[in-house]
Amino acid sequence: MDIAPGDVVVLNKLVGVAKFGIYAGARGSITVSGVFCLVKDPTTNIPAGTILYWSEISHHVIKNQYQHSMIGISVEDAPPS
């Protein structure tokens, strides 16, 4: 399986989360609405209500829009860990 369930999938500017595993070359489904627990930089403070973007470089949510696709809005505080 090339994309595991729960992996973030970026298709141009559309960002979603795989519901099920997807094999390379196969069609699959992604969810683009809902609340998900995603990886962030452990040093970053993300207050509730912050617009978040997905970094395809570091593979975690970030607060910087620069050339990143919007993934959503944080629903709760995520302090540094």
N, C-alpha and C. Protein backbone atom coordinates (compact mmCIF):
# COMPACT_ATOMS: atom_id res chain seq x y z
N MET A 1 0.84 -1.17 0.00
CA MET A 1 0.00 0.00 0.00
C MET A 1 0.89 1.23 0.00
N ASP A 2 0.62 2.17 -0.91
CA ASP A 2 1.46 3.35 -1.04
C ASP A 2 0.97 4.53 -0.20
N ILE A 3 -0.33 4.62 0.02
CA ILE A 3 -0.90 5.64 0.88
C ILE A 3 -1.69 4.90 1.96
N ALA A 4 -1.29 5.09 3.20
CA ALA A 4 -1.93 4.39 4.31
C ALA A 4 -3.17 5.16 4.78
N PRO A 5 -4.11 4.47 5.39
CA PRO A 5 -5.26 5.17 5.96
C PRO A 5 -4.78 6.23 6.96
N GLY A 6 -5.33 7.43 6.86
CA GLY A 6 -4.92 8.51 7.75
C GLY A 6 -3.83 9.40 7.19
N ASP A 7 -3.21 9.00 6.08
CA ASP A 7 -2.18 9.83 5.45
C ASP A 7 -2.82 11.06 4.81
N VAL A 8 -2.08 12.17 4.84
CA VAL A 8 -2.52 13.38 4.15
C VAL A 8 -2.20 13.23 2.67
N VAL A 9 -3.17 13.60 1.82
CA VAL A 9 -3.01 13.51 0.37
C VAL A 9 -3.22 14.90 -0.21
N VAL A 10 -2.26 15.37 -1.04
CA VAL A 10 -2.36 16.67 -1.68
C VAL A 10 -2.54 16.46 -3.18
N LEU A 11 -3.63 16.99 -3.72
CA LEU A 11 -3.91 16.94 -5.15
C LEU A 11 -4.03 18.38 -5.62
N ASN A 12 -2.96 18.93 -6.16
CA ASN A 12 -2.89 20.35 -6.51
C ASN A 12 -3.13 21.17 -5.24
N LYS A 13 -4.22 21.93 -5.16
CA LYS A 13 -4.51 22.73 -3.96
C LYS A 13 -5.52 22.05 -3.04
N LEU A 14 -6.03 20.88 -3.42
CA LEU A 14 -6.96 20.14 -2.59
C LEU A 14 -6.19 19.24 -1.64
N VAL A 15 -6.49 19.35 -0.36
CA VAL A 15 -5.81 18.54 0.65
C VAL A 15 -6.86 17.73 1.40
N GLY A 16 -6.60 16.45 1.56
CA GLY A 16 -7.53 15.59 2.29
C GLY A 16 -6.78 14.51 3.04
N VAL A 17 -7.54 13.65 3.68
CA VAL A 17 -6.98 12.54 4.45
C VAL A 17 -7.54 11.24 3.88
N ALA A 18 -6.67 10.29 3.61
CA ALA A 18 -7.09 9.00 3.06
C ALA A 18 -7.93 8.24 4.08
N LYS A 19 -9.11 7.81 3.66
CA LYS A 19 -9.98 7.02 4.54
C LYS A 19 -9.50 5.57 4.62
N PHE A 20 -9.02 5.08 3.48
CA PHE A 20 -8.56 3.69 3.37
C PHE A 20 -7.21 3.70 2.67
N GLY A 21 -6.53 2.60 2.67
CA GLY A 21 -5.27 2.50 1.95
C GLY A 21 -5.47 2.60 0.45
N ILE A 22 -4.49 3.20 -0.23
CA ILE A 22 -4.58 3.36 -1.68
C ILE A 22 -3.29 2.85 -2.30
N TYR A 23 -3.39 1.97 -3.26
CA TYR A 23 -2.23 1.45 -3.97
C TYR A 23 -1.87 2.37 -5.13
N ALA A 24 -0.60 2.42 -5.49
CA ALA A 24 -0.14 3.25 -6.61
C ALA A 24 -0.90 2.88 -7.87
N GLY A 25 -1.37 3.89 -8.60
CA GLY A 25 -2.09 3.66 -9.84
C GLY A 25 -3.56 3.34 -9.67
N ALA A 26 -3.98 3.15 -8.42
CA ALA A 26 -5.39 2.81 -8.16
C ALA A 26 -6.16 4.06 -7.76
N ARG A 27 -7.47 4.01 -7.93
CA ARG A 27 -8.32 5.10 -7.45
C ARG A 27 -8.57 4.89 -5.97
N GLY A 28 -8.75 6.00 -5.28
CA GLY A 28 -9.02 5.92 -3.85
C GLY A 28 -9.85 7.10 -3.40
N SER A 29 -10.20 7.11 -2.15
CA SER A 29 -11.02 8.18 -1.58
C SER A 29 -10.23 8.95 -0.54
N ILE A 30 -10.48 10.28 -0.53
CA ILE A 30 -9.93 11.10 0.54
C ILE A 30 -11.09 11.88 1.16
N THR A 31 -10.95 12.19 2.42
CA THR A 31 -11.94 12.99 3.13
C THR A 31 -11.42 14.41 3.21
N VAL A 32 -12.27 15.37 2.86
CA VAL A 32 -11.86 16.77 2.87
C VAL A 32 -12.60 17.59 3.91
N SER A 33 -13.42 16.94 4.73
CA SER A 33 -14.08 17.66 5.82
C SER A 33 -14.09 16.76 7.05
N GLY A 34 -14.04 17.39 8.20
CA GLY A 34 -14.01 16.65 9.46
C GLY A 34 -12.91 17.19 10.36
N VAL A 35 -12.72 16.53 11.48
CA VAL A 35 -11.69 16.91 12.43
C VAL A 35 -10.67 15.78 12.47
N PHE A 36 -9.40 16.13 12.26
CA PHE A 36 -8.33 15.14 12.19
C PHE A 36 -7.20 15.53 13.13
N CYS A 37 -6.52 14.57 13.65
CA CYS A 37 -5.33 14.78 14.47
C CYS A 37 -4.13 14.60 13.54
N LEU A 38 -3.42 15.71 13.25
CA LEU A 38 -2.30 15.67 12.31
C LEU A 38 -1.01 16.12 12.99
N VAL A 39 0.10 15.76 12.41
CA VAL A 39 1.41 16.06 12.95
C VAL A 39 1.74 17.54 12.78
N LYS A 40 2.35 18.14 13.81
CA LYS A 40 2.86 19.49 13.71
C LYS A 40 4.28 19.52 14.27
N ASP A 41 4.99 20.59 13.98
CA ASP A 41 6.33 20.78 14.56
C ASP A 41 6.15 20.89 16.08
N PRO A 42 6.89 20.09 16.87
CA PRO A 42 6.69 20.11 18.32
C PRO A 42 7.04 21.44 18.98
N THR A 43 7.76 22.32 18.30
CA THR A 43 8.12 23.62 18.88
C THR A 43 7.11 24.71 18.56
N THR A 44 6.13 24.41 17.72
CA THR A 44 5.17 25.41 17.27
C THR A 44 3.96 25.48 18.19
N ASN A 45 3.53 26.70 18.50
CA ASN A 45 2.30 26.93 19.25
C ASN A 45 1.20 27.26 18.25
N ILE A 46 0.11 26.49 18.28
CA ILE A 46 -1.00 26.73 17.37
C ILE A 46 -2.26 26.97 18.20
N PRO A 47 -2.70 28.23 18.30
CA PRO A 47 -3.94 28.51 19.03
C PRO A 47 -5.17 28.04 18.25
N ALA A 48 -6.25 27.75 18.94
CA ALA A 48 -7.51 27.39 18.30
C ALA A 48 -7.91 28.52 17.36
N GLY A 49 -8.45 28.15 16.20
CA GLY A 49 -8.88 29.13 15.22
C GLY A 49 -7.82 29.54 14.21
N THR A 50 -6.62 29.00 14.32
CA THR A 50 -5.53 29.33 13.40
C THR A 50 -5.74 28.62 12.06
N ILE A 51 -5.59 29.36 10.96
CA ILE A 51 -5.64 28.75 9.64
C ILE A 51 -4.34 27.97 9.45
N LEU A 52 -4.48 26.72 8.99
CA LEU A 52 -3.31 25.84 8.87
C LEU A 52 -3.09 25.42 7.42
N TYR A 53 -1.84 25.14 7.12
CA TYR A 53 -1.42 24.72 5.79
C TYR A 53 -0.63 23.43 5.92
N TRP A 54 -0.56 22.66 4.84
CA TRP A 54 0.19 21.40 4.84
C TRP A 54 1.51 21.61 4.10
N SER A 55 2.60 21.27 4.75
CA SER A 55 3.92 21.34 4.13
C SER A 55 4.26 19.99 3.52
N GLU A 56 4.41 19.95 2.20
CA GLU A 56 4.83 18.71 1.55
C GLU A 56 6.32 18.47 1.72
N ILE A 57 7.02 19.46 2.25
CA ILE A 57 8.46 19.31 2.50
C ILE A 57 8.69 18.64 3.85
N SER A 58 8.08 19.18 4.90
CA SER A 58 8.29 18.63 6.25
C SER A 58 7.20 17.65 6.67
N HIS A 59 6.13 17.55 5.90
CA HIS A 59 5.02 16.63 6.17
C HIS A 59 4.37 16.86 7.54
N HIS A 60 4.07 18.13 7.81
CA HIS A 60 3.29 18.46 9.00
C HIS A 60 2.54 19.77 8.77
N VAL A 61 1.57 20.07 9.65
CA VAL A 61 0.82 21.31 9.52
C VAL A 61 1.70 22.48 9.95
N ILE A 62 1.50 23.60 9.27
CA ILE A 62 2.26 24.81 9.57
C ILE A 62 1.31 26.01 9.52
N LYS A 63 1.79 27.15 10.02
CA LYS A 63 0.99 28.37 10.01
C LYS A 63 1.38 29.29 8.85
N ASN A 64 2.39 28.94 8.08
CA ASN A 64 2.91 29.76 6.99
C ASN A 64 2.25 29.38 5.67
N GLN A 65 1.60 30.34 5.03
CA GLN A 65 0.88 30.08 3.79
C GLN A 65 1.80 29.92 2.59
N TYR A 66 2.98 30.46 2.61
CA TYR A 66 3.86 30.53 1.44
C TYR A 66 3.93 29.22 0.67
N GLN A 67 3.35 29.18 -0.51
CA GLN A 67 3.37 28.04 -1.43
C GLN A 67 2.91 26.72 -0.80
N HIS A 68 2.04 26.79 0.19
CA HIS A 68 1.50 25.59 0.81
C HIS A 68 -0.01 25.58 0.64
N SER A 69 -0.58 24.41 0.61
CA SER A 69 -2.03 24.26 0.45
C SER A 69 -2.72 24.34 1.82
N MET A 70 -3.82 25.10 1.88
CA MET A 70 -4.57 25.19 3.13
C MET A 70 -5.20 23.84 3.44
N ILE A 71 -5.07 23.44 4.71
CA ILE A 71 -5.65 22.16 5.12
C ILE A 71 -6.85 22.36 6.03
N GLY A 72 -6.93 23.50 6.71
CA GLY A 72 -8.09 23.74 7.57
C GLY A 72 -7.79 24.73 8.67
N ILE A 73 -8.60 24.66 9.72
CA ILE A 73 -8.50 25.56 10.87
C ILE A 73 -8.41 24.70 12.13
N SER A 74 -7.49 25.06 13.03
CA SER A 74 -7.36 24.28 14.27
C SER A 74 -8.60 24.46 15.14
N VAL A 75 -9.07 23.38 15.72
CA VAL A 75 -10.28 23.43 16.55
C VAL A 75 -9.95 23.50 18.03
N GLU A 76 -8.68 23.31 18.38
CA GLU A 76 -8.25 23.44 19.76
C GLU A 76 -6.81 23.90 19.82
N ASP A 77 -6.40 24.42 20.97
CA ASP A 77 -5.01 24.85 21.13
C ASP A 77 -4.07 23.65 21.01
N ALA A 78 -2.94 23.87 20.35
CA ALA A 78 -1.90 22.84 20.24
C ALA A 78 -0.59 23.50 20.67
N PRO A 79 -0.30 23.49 21.98
CA PRO A 79 0.91 24.15 22.47
C PRO A 79 2.16 23.34 22.12
N PRO A 80 3.33 23.97 22.23
CA PRO A 80 4.57 23.21 22.01
C PRO A 80 4.63 22.02 22.97
N SER A 81 5.23 20.93 22.50
CA SER A 81 5.30 19.74 23.36
C SER A 81 6.70 19.51 23.88
